[in-house]
Amino acid sequence: MKTVDARGLSCPEPVVLTRKAISSGDTAYQIIVDSPTACENVARYAKDQGYRVEIEEKNGEFTLSATK
């Protein structure tokens, strides 16, 4: 599973990093963000690309697990 660490970045940077990771062709990703807005945007993008997204929030950080 490829991990994308987008903590500390403001939109659209987390979505751009996620798009780059998805273009590699893997079927499972873990994306870490620290903003509710980035969480929503990344989740929406991944779902639009056909991924199932699960979100876990812990101490203000969001870990999105995206799988095909």
PDB file of N, CA and C in Angstrom:
ATOM      1  N   MET A   1       0.849  -1.173   0.000  1.00  0.00           N
ATOM      2  CA  MET A   1       0.000   0.000   0.000  1.00  0.00           C
ATOM      3  C   MET A   1       0.895   1.237   0.000  1.00  0.00           C
ATOM      4  N   LYS A   2       0.671   2.112  -0.946  1.00  0.00           N
ATOM      5  CA  LYS A   2       1.435   3.348  -1.059  1.00  0.00           C
ATOM      6  C   LYS A   2       0.871   4.387  -0.092  1.00  0.00           C
ATOM      7  N   THR A   3       1.757   5.130   0.585  1.00  0.00           N
ATOM      8  CA  THR A   3       1.331   6.153   1.528  1.00  0.00           C
ATOM      9  C   THR A   3       1.664   7.532   0.987  1.00  0.00           C
ATOM     10  N   VAL A   4       0.666   8.426   1.068  1.00  0.00           N
ATOM     11  CA  VAL A   4       0.848   9.820   0.679  1.00  0.00           C
ATOM     12  C   VAL A   4       0.691  10.658   1.944  1.00  0.00           C
ATOM     13  N   ASP A   5       1.748  11.346   2.330  1.00  0.00           N
ATOM     14  CA  ASP A   5       1.706  12.198   3.524  1.00  0.00           C
ATOM     15  C   ASP A   5       1.518  13.636   3.070  1.00  0.00           C
ATOM     16  N   ALA A   6       0.290  14.141   3.231  1.00  0.00           N
ATOM     17  CA  ALA A   6      -0.024  15.503   2.798  1.00  0.00           C
ATOM     18  C   ALA A   6      -0.323  16.410   3.993  1.00  0.00           C
ATOM     19  N   ARG A   7       0.203  16.051   5.150  1.00  0.00           N
ATOM     20  CA  ARG A   7       0.001  16.884   6.341  1.00  0.00           C
ATOM     21  C   ARG A   7       0.694  18.229   6.158  1.00  0.00           C
ATOM     22  N   GLY A   8       0.016  19.282   6.602  1.00  0.00           N
ATOM     23  CA  GLY A   8       0.590  20.611   6.524  1.00  0.00           C
ATOM     24  C   GLY A   8       0.403  21.287   5.178  1.00  0.00           C
ATOM     25  N   LEU A   9      -0.201  20.608   4.229  1.00  0.00           N
ATOM     26  CA  LEU A   9      -0.406  21.184   2.904  1.00  0.00           C
ATOM     27  C   LEU A   9      -1.841  21.660   2.756  1.00  0.00           C
ATOM     28  N   SER A  10      -2.020  22.769   2.058  1.00  0.00           N
ATOM     29  CA  SER A  10      -3.372  23.266   1.835  1.00  0.00           C
ATOM     30  C   SER A  10      -3.838  22.865   0.438  1.00  0.00           C
ATOM     31  N   CYS A  11      -5.143  22.824   0.272  1.00  0.00           N
ATOM     32  CA  CYS A  11      -5.715  22.428  -1.015  1.00  0.00           C
ATOM     33  C   CYS A  11      -5.297  23.429  -2.083  1.00  0.00           C
ATOM     34  N   PRO A  12      -5.039  22.940  -3.271  1.00  0.00           N
ATOM     35  CA  PRO A  12      -5.333  21.603  -3.798  1.00  0.00           C
ATOM     36  C   PRO A  12      -4.175  20.627  -3.696  1.00  0.00           C
ATOM     37  N   GLU A  13      -3.113  20.976  -2.976  1.00  0.00           N
ATOM     38  CA  GLU A  13      -1.911  20.135  -2.917  1.00  0.00           C
ATOM     39  C   GLU A  13      -2.182  18.678  -2.533  1.00  0.00           C
ATOM     40  N   PRO A  14      -2.983  18.381  -1.492  1.00  0.00           N
ATOM     41  CA  PRO A  14      -3.238  16.972  -1.163  1.00  0.00           C
ATOM     42  C   PRO A  14      -3.916  16.199  -2.308  1.00  0.00           C
ATOM     43  N   VAL A  15      -4.814  16.867  -3.023  1.00  0.00           N
ATOM     44  CA  VAL A  15      -5.475  16.206  -4.158  1.00  0.00           C
ATOM     45  C   VAL A  15      -4.471  15.972  -5.286  1.00  0.00           C
ATOM     46  N   VAL A  16      -3.587  16.930  -5.524  1.00  0.00           N
ATOM     47  CA  VAL A  16      -2.564  16.784  -6.569  1.00  0.00           C
ATOM     48  C   VAL A  16      -1.650  15.607  -6.243  1.00  0.00           C
ATOM     49  N   LEU A  17      -1.214  15.495  -4.989  1.00  0.00           N
ATOM     50  CA  LEU A  17      -0.355  14.372  -4.593  1.00  0.00           C
ATOM     51  C   LEU A  17      -1.091  13.040  -4.716  1.00  0.00           C
ATOM     52  N   THR A  18      -2.373  13.038  -4.372  1.00  0.00           N
ATOM     53  CA  THR A  18      -3.176  11.825  -4.501  1.00  0.00           C
ATOM     54  C   THR A  18      -3.315  11.434  -5.964  1.00  0.00           C
ATOM     55  N   ARG A  19      -3.563  12.406  -6.824  1.00  0.00           N
ATOM     56  CA  ARG A  19      -3.687  12.128  -8.259  1.00  0.00           C
ATOM     57  C   ARG A  19      -2.394  11.528  -8.805  1.00  0.00           C
ATOM     58  N   LYS A  20      -1.246  12.076  -8.395  1.00  0.00           N
ATOM     59  CA  LYS A  20       0.047  11.530  -8.842  1.00  0.00           C
ATOM     60  C   LYS A  20       0.210  10.080  -8.381  1.00  0.00           C
ATOM     61  N   ALA A  21      -0.165   9.808  -7.132  1.00  0.00           N
ATOM     62  CA  ALA A  21      -0.035   8.444  -6.603  1.00  0.00           C
ATOM     63  C   ALA A  21      -0.946   7.490  -7.360  1.00  0.00           C
ATOM     64  N   ILE A  22      -2.186   7.896  -7.588  1.00  0.00           N
ATOM     65  CA  ILE A  22      -3.147   7.030  -8.282  1.00  0.00           C
ATOM     66  C   ILE A  22      -2.694   6.748  -9.710  1.00  0.00           C
ATOM     67  N   SER A  23      -2.021   7.709 -10.328  1.00  0.00           N
ATOM     68  CA  SER A  23      -1.564   7.505 -11.711  1.00  0.00           C
ATOM     69  C   SER A  23      -0.497   6.411 -11.804  1.00  0.00           C
ATOM     70  N   SER A  24       0.081   6.006 -10.668  1.00  0.00           N
ATOM     71  CA  SER A  24       1.080   4.933 -10.687  1.00  0.00           C
ATOM     72  C   SER A  24       0.444   3.570 -10.934  1.00  0.00           C
ATOM     73  N   GLY A  25      -0.886   3.478 -10.730  1.00  0.00           N
ATOM     74  CA  GLY A  25      -1.588   2.242 -11.049  1.00  0.00           C
ATOM     75  C   GLY A  25      -1.780   1.275  -9.899  1.00  0.00           C
ATOM     76  N   ASP A  26      -1.321   1.623  -8.696  1.00  0.00           N
ATOM     77  CA  ASP A  26      -1.563   0.743  -7.553  1.00  0.00           C
ATOM     78  C   ASP A  26      -3.057   0.687  -7.244  1.00  0.00           C
ATOM     79  N   THR A  27      -3.466  -0.297  -6.471  1.00  0.00           N
ATOM     80  CA  THR A  27      -4.893  -0.444  -6.166  1.00  0.00           C
ATOM     81  C   THR A  27      -5.230  -0.088  -4.725  1.00  0.00           C
ATOM     82  N   ALA A  28      -4.226   0.279  -3.913  1.00  0.00           N
ATOM     83  CA  ALA A  28      -4.493   0.637  -2.518  1.00  0.00           C
ATOM     84  C   ALA A  28      -3.558   1.764  -2.096  1.00  0.00           C
ATOM     85  N   TYR A  29      -4.146   2.748  -1.428  1.00  0.00           N
ATOM     86  CA  TYR A  29      -3.400   3.915  -0.974  1.00  0.00           C
ATOM     87  C   TYR A  29      -3.820   4.297   0.426  1.00  0.00           C
ATOM     88  N   GLN A  30      -2.894   4.931   1.127  1.00  0.00           N
ATOM     89  CA  GLN A  30      -3.195   5.527   2.423  1.00  0.00           C
ATOM     90  C   GLN A  30      -2.756   6.988   2.310  1.00  0.00           C
ATOM     91  N   ILE A  31      -3.716   7.889   2.524  1.00  0.00           N
ATOM     92  CA  ILE A  31      -3.433   9.311   2.414  1.00  0.00           C
ATOM     93  C   ILE A  31      -3.642   9.939   3.783  1.00  0.00           C
ATOM     94  N   ILE A  32      -2.648  10.692   4.258  1.00  0.00           N
ATOM     95  CA  ILE A  32      -2.722  11.313   5.570  1.00  0.00           C
ATOM     96  C   ILE A  32      -2.804  12.827   5.383  1.00  0.00           C
ATOM     97  N   VAL A  33      -3.850  13.439   5.951  1.00  0.00           N
ATOM     98  CA  VAL A  33      -4.028  14.892   5.896  1.00  0.00           C
ATOM     99  C   VAL A  33      -4.382  15.395   7.292  1.00  0.00           C
ATOM    100  N   ASP A  34      -4.233  16.698   7.485  1.00  0.00           N
ATOM    101  CA  ASP A  34      -4.554  17.258   8.806  1.00  0.00           C
ATOM    102  C   ASP A  34      -5.578  18.382   8.721  1.00  0.00           C
ATOM    103  N   SER A  35      -6.388  18.348   7.669  1.00  0.00           N
ATOM    104  CA  SER A  35      -7.418  19.359   7.478  1.00  0.00           C
ATOM    105  C   SER A  35      -8.716  18.686   7.060  1.00  0.00           C
ATOM    106  N   PRO A  36      -9.839  19.041   7.694  1.00  0.00           N
ATOM    107  CA  PRO A  36     -11.124  18.453   7.288  1.00  0.00           C
ATOM    108  C   PRO A  36     -11.456  18.732   5.824  1.00  0.00           C
ATOM    109  N   THR A  37     -11.091  19.917   5.342  1.00  0.00           N
ATOM    110  CA  THR A  37     -11.358  20.253   3.941  1.00  0.00           C
ATOM    111  C   THR A  37     -10.545  19.362   3.007  1.00  0.00           C
ATOM    112  N   ALA A  38      -9.261  19.184   3.317  1.00  0.00           N
ATOM    113  CA  ALA A  38      -8.423  18.314   2.491  1.00  0.00           C
ATOM    114  C   ALA A  38      -8.954  16.882   2.527  1.00  0.00           C
ATOM    115  N   CYS A  39      -9.417  16.443   3.693  1.00  0.00           N
ATOM    116  CA  CYS A  39      -9.988  15.107   3.832  1.00  0.00           C
ATOM    117  C   CYS A  39     -11.178  14.932   2.892  1.00  0.00           C
ATOM    118  N   GLU A  40     -12.091  15.899   2.903  1.00  0.00           N
ATOM    119  CA  GLU A  40     -13.273  15.829   2.038  1.00  0.00           C
ATOM    120  C   GLU A  40     -12.882  15.833   0.565  1.00  0.00           C
ATOM    121  N   ASN A  41     -11.963  16.713   0.181  1.00  0.00           N
ATOM    122  CA  ASN A  41     -11.571  16.825  -1.221  1.00  0.00           C
ATOM    123  C   ASN A  41     -10.851  15.585  -1.725  1.00  0.00           C
ATOM    124  N   VAL A  42      -9.944  15.042  -0.919  1.00  0.00           N
ATOM    125  CA  VAL A  42      -9.223  13.830  -1.314  1.00  0.00           C
ATOM    126  C   VAL A  42     -10.186  12.650  -1.404  1.00  0.00           C
ATOM    127  N   ALA A  43     -11.083  12.528  -0.429  1.00  0.00           N
ATOM    128  CA  ALA A  43     -12.058  11.433  -0.449  1.00  0.00           C
ATOM    129  C   ALA A  43     -12.935  11.520  -1.696  1.00  0.00           C
ATOM    130  N   ARG A  44     -13.405  12.713  -2.010  1.00  0.00           N
ATOM    131  CA  ARG A  44     -14.252  12.891  -3.194  1.00  0.00           C
ATOM    132  C   ARG A  44     -13.490  12.525  -4.469  1.00  0.00           C
ATOM    133  N   TYR A  45     -12.240  12.969  -4.578  1.00  0.00           N
ATOM    134  CA  TYR A  45     -11.442  12.662  -5.757  1.00  0.00           C
ATOM    135  C   TYR A  45     -11.231  11.150  -5.899  1.00  0.00           C
ATOM    136  N   ALA A  46     -10.847  10.501  -4.804  1.00  0.00           N
ATOM    137  CA  ALA A  46     -10.597   9.055  -4.852  1.00  0.00           C
ATOM    138  C   ALA A  46     -11.866   8.295  -5.239  1.00  0.00           C
ATOM    139  N   LYS A  47     -13.000   8.690  -4.672  1.00  0.00           N
ATOM    140  CA  LYS A  47     -14.270   8.031  -5.014  1.00  0.00           C
ATOM    141  C   LYS A  47     -14.602   8.240  -6.484  1.00  0.00           C
ATOM    142  N   ASP A  48     -14.348   9.440  -7.005  1.00  0.00           N
ATOM    143  CA  ASP A  48     -14.592   9.716  -8.422  1.00  0.00           C
ATOM    144  C   ASP A  48     -13.715   8.856  -9.325  1.00  0.00           C
ATOM    145  N   GLN A  49     -12.568   8.403  -8.798  1.00  0.00           N
ATOM    146  CA  GLN A  49     -11.666   7.543  -9.564  1.00  0.00           C
ATOM    147  C   GLN A  49     -11.982   6.056  -9.385  1.00  0.00           C
ATOM    148  N   GLY A  50     -13.056   5.761  -8.657  1.00  0.00           N
ATOM    149  CA  GLY A  50     -13.488   4.376  -8.496  1.00  0.00           C
ATOM    150  C   GLY A  50     -12.950   3.666  -7.266  1.00  0.00           C
ATOM    151  N   TYR A  51     -12.406   4.414  -6.322  1.00  0.00           N
ATOM    152  CA  TYR A  51     -11.864   3.817  -5.107  1.00  0.00           C
ATOM    153  C   TYR A  51     -12.897   3.841  -3.991  1.00  0.00           C
ATOM    154  N   ARG A  52     -12.835   2.818  -3.143  1.00  0.00           N
ATOM    155  CA  ARG A  52     -13.642   2.790  -1.922  1.00  0.00           C
ATOM    156  C   ARG A  52     -12.791   3.461  -0.852  1.00  0.00           C
ATOM    157  N   VAL A  53     -13.368   4.406  -0.118  1.00  0.00           N
ATOM    158  CA  VAL A  53     -12.588   5.206   0.831  1.00  0.00           C
ATOM    159  C   VAL A  53     -13.112   5.008   2.248  1.00  0.00           C
ATOM    160  N   GLU A  54     -12.198   4.705   3.149  1.00  0.00           N
ATOM    161  CA  GLU A  54     -12.506   4.639   4.578  1.00  0.00           C
ATOM    162  C   GLU A  54     -11.661   5.702   5.262  1.00  0.00           C
ATOM    163  N   ILE A  55     -12.284   6.424   6.209  1.00  0.00           N
ATOM    164  CA  ILE A  55     -11.605   7.538   6.875  1.00  0.00           C
ATOM    165  C   ILE A  55     -11.519   7.267   8.371  1.00  0.00           C
ATOM    166  N   GLU A  56     -10.325   7.471   8.907  1.00  0.00           N
ATOM    167  CA  GLU A  56     -10.108   7.345  10.353  1.00  0.00           C
ATOM    168  C   GLU A  56      -9.509   8.656  10.845  1.00  0.00           C
ATOM    169  N   GLU A  57     -10.120   9.242  11.875  1.00  0.00           N
ATOM    170  CA  GLU A  57      -9.634  10.500  12.431  1.00  0.00           C
ATOM    171  C   GLU A  57      -9.033  10.236  13.800  1.00  0.00           C
ATOM    172  N   LYS A  58      -7.840  10.783  14.023  1.00  0.00           N
ATOM    173  CA  LYS A  58      -7.174  10.595  15.310  1.00  0.00           C
ATOM    174  C   LYS A  58      -6.327  11.837  15.590  1.00  0.00           C
ATOM    175  N   ASN A  59      -6.619  12.507  16.689  1.00  0.00           N
ATOM    176  CA  ASN A  59      -5.854  13.686  17.114  1.00  0.00           C
ATOM    177  C   ASN A  59      -5.749  14.755  16.033  1.00  0.00           C
ATOM    178  N   GLY A  60      -6.831  14.979  15.290  1.00  0.00           N
ATOM    179  CA  GLY A  60      -6.843  16.018  14.273  1.00  0.00           C
ATOM    180  C   GLY A  60      -6.218  15.634  12.950  1.00  0.00           C
ATOM    181  N   GLU A  61      -5.777  14.400  12.835  1.00  0.00           N
ATOM    182  CA  GLU A  61      -5.244  13.907  11.563  1.00  0.00           C
ATOM    183  C   GLU A  61      -6.208  12.879  10.987  1.00  0.00           C
ATOM    184  N   PHE A  62      -6.341  12.924   9.680  1.00  0.00           N
ATOM    185  CA  PHE A  62      -7.245  12.029   8.977  1.00  0.00           C
ATOM    186  C   PHE A  62      -6.428  11.078   8.125  1.00  0.00           C
ATOM    187  N   THR A  63      -6.687   9.781   8.276  1.00  0.00           N
ATOM    188  CA  THR A  63      -6.053   8.770   7.444  1.00  0.00           C
ATOM    189  C   THR A  63      -7.118   8.179   6.553  1.00  0.00           C
ATOM    190  N   LEU A  64      -6.945   8.357   5.256  1.00  0.00           N
ATOM    191  CA  LEU A  64      -7.884   7.833   4.274  1.00  0.00           C
ATOM    192  C   LEU A  64      -7.282   6.585   3.656  1.00  0.00           C
ATOM    193  N   SER A  65      -8.007   5.501   3.691  1.00  0.00           N
ATOM    194  CA  SER A  65      -7.595   4.262   3.040  1.00  0.00           C
ATOM    195  C   SER A  65      -8.450   4.107   1.788  1.00  0.00           C
ATOM    196  N   ALA A  66      -7.790   4.162   0.646  1.00  0.00           N
ATOM    197  CA  ALA A  66      -8.493   4.071  -0.629  1.00  0.00           C
ATOM    198  C   ALA A  66      -8.102   2.768  -1.333  1.00  0.00           C
ATOM    199  N   THR A  67      -9.098   1.946  -1.650  1.00  0.00           N
ATOM    200  CA  THR A  67      -8.832   0.676  -2.316  1.00  0.00           C
ATOM    201  C   THR A  67      -9.790   0.488  -3.483  1.00  0.00           C
ATOM    202  N   LYS A  68      -9.323  -0.224  -4.491  1.00  0.00           N
ATOM    203  CA  LYS A  68     -10.173  -0.535  -5.654  1.00  0.00           C
ATOM    204  C   LYS A  68     -10.843  -1.847  -5.418  1.00  0.00           C
TER     205      LYS A  68
END
